[in-house]
Protein backbone atom coordinates (compact mmCIF):
# COMPACT_ATOMS: atom_id res chain seq x y z
CA MET A 1 34.92 73.87 -62.39
CA ARG A 2 37.59 71.12 -61.25
CA LEU A 3 38.31 72.55 -58.34
CA VAL A 4 34.72 72.20 -57.41
CA GLY A 5 34.58 68.57 -58.42
CA ASN A 6 38.34 67.82 -56.55
CA VAL A 7 37.31 69.24 -53.73
CA LEU A 8 33.83 67.13 -53.55
CA TRP A 9 36.09 64.26 -55.17
CA LEU A 10 38.01 64.57 -51.86
CA VAL A 11 35.41 65.04 -49.31
CA LEU A 12 33.06 61.91 -50.25
CA ALA A 13 35.69 59.34 -51.45
CA GLY A 14 39.16 60.94 -52.56
CA TRP A 15 40.54 60.20 -48.81
CA TRP A 16 40.04 56.91 -48.21
CA LEU A 17 40.60 56.24 -51.92
CA ALA A 18 44.24 57.02 -51.64
CA PHE A 19 44.03 55.88 -47.53
CA ALA A 20 43.61 52.35 -49.40
CA HIS A 21 46.12 52.79 -51.71
CA VAL A 22 48.52 54.09 -49.60
CA VAL A 23 48.33 50.45 -47.02
CA ALA A 24 47.59 48.16 -50.36
CA GLY A 25 50.84 49.49 -50.82
CA MET A 26 52.55 48.64 -48.19
CA VAL A 27 51.53 45.47 -47.48
CA LEU A 28 52.23 44.62 -50.73
CA CYS A 29 56.28 46.23 -50.12
CA LEU A 30 56.99 43.77 -47.48
CA THR A 31 57.35 41.15 -50.36
CA ILE A 32 59.74 41.49 -52.55
CA ILE A 33 57.21 40.49 -55.51
CA GLY A 34 55.54 43.07 -54.27
CA ILE A 35 57.11 45.66 -54.86
CA PRO A 36 57.04 46.86 -58.03
CA LEU A 37 52.73 47.36 -57.45
CA GLY A 38 53.61 49.30 -54.16
CA LEU A 39 54.97 51.86 -55.89
CA GLY A 40 52.58 51.94 -58.35
CA SER A 41 49.86 51.62 -55.47
CA PHE A 42 51.81 54.48 -53.73
CA LYS A 43 50.78 56.37 -57.38
CA LEU A 44 47.22 55.53 -57.21
CA ALA A 45 46.79 57.54 -54.16
CA VAL A 46 48.67 60.66 -55.30
CA LEU A 47 45.75 60.64 -58.56
CA ALA A 48 42.96 59.05 -56.15
CA LEU A 49 43.00 62.41 -54.41
CA THR A 50 42.54 65.10 -57.11
CA PRO A 51 41.66 62.89 -60.32
CA PHE A 52 39.91 65.80 -62.13
CA GLY A 53 41.55 68.09 -65.06
CA LYS A 54 44.40 64.18 -65.38
CA ASP A 55 45.47 62.19 -67.66
CA VAL A 56 47.41 59.68 -66.93
CA VAL A 57 49.49 58.19 -70.26
CA PRO A 58 51.44 55.55 -71.44
CA ALA A 59 55.12 56.71 -71.41
CA SER A 60 55.93 55.96 -74.35
CA GLN A 61 53.52 59.65 -74.62
CA VAL A 62 55.51 61.17 -72.79
CA ALA A 63 58.17 63.46 -75.21
CA GLY A 64 62.08 64.03 -73.91
CA ARG A 65 61.21 62.03 -70.01
CA ARG A 66 62.10 58.90 -68.55
CA VAL A 67 59.37 58.10 -66.84
CA ARG A 68 57.29 55.51 -66.07
CA VAL A 69 54.47 57.00 -65.76
CA ALA A 70 53.27 60.33 -66.23
CA MET A 71 50.42 62.10 -65.29
CA ARG A 72 49.67 65.38 -67.22
CA GLY A 73 47.29 68.50 -66.14
């Protein structure tokens, strides 16, 4: 069921949402202050492509890893 949901999402909304996140990330990376936000926007672009079956969790809940944003799925 996740596959069907992800394909429908990708075709109907995911591609342009991911594209918007990539463009916003590039614009934000033009300034020193915006670089962390731009990098976060690139991570959201990946999540916007296939969101079904993934959970965004805080880094404090990920055991044994030193990551800032972790996606389970």
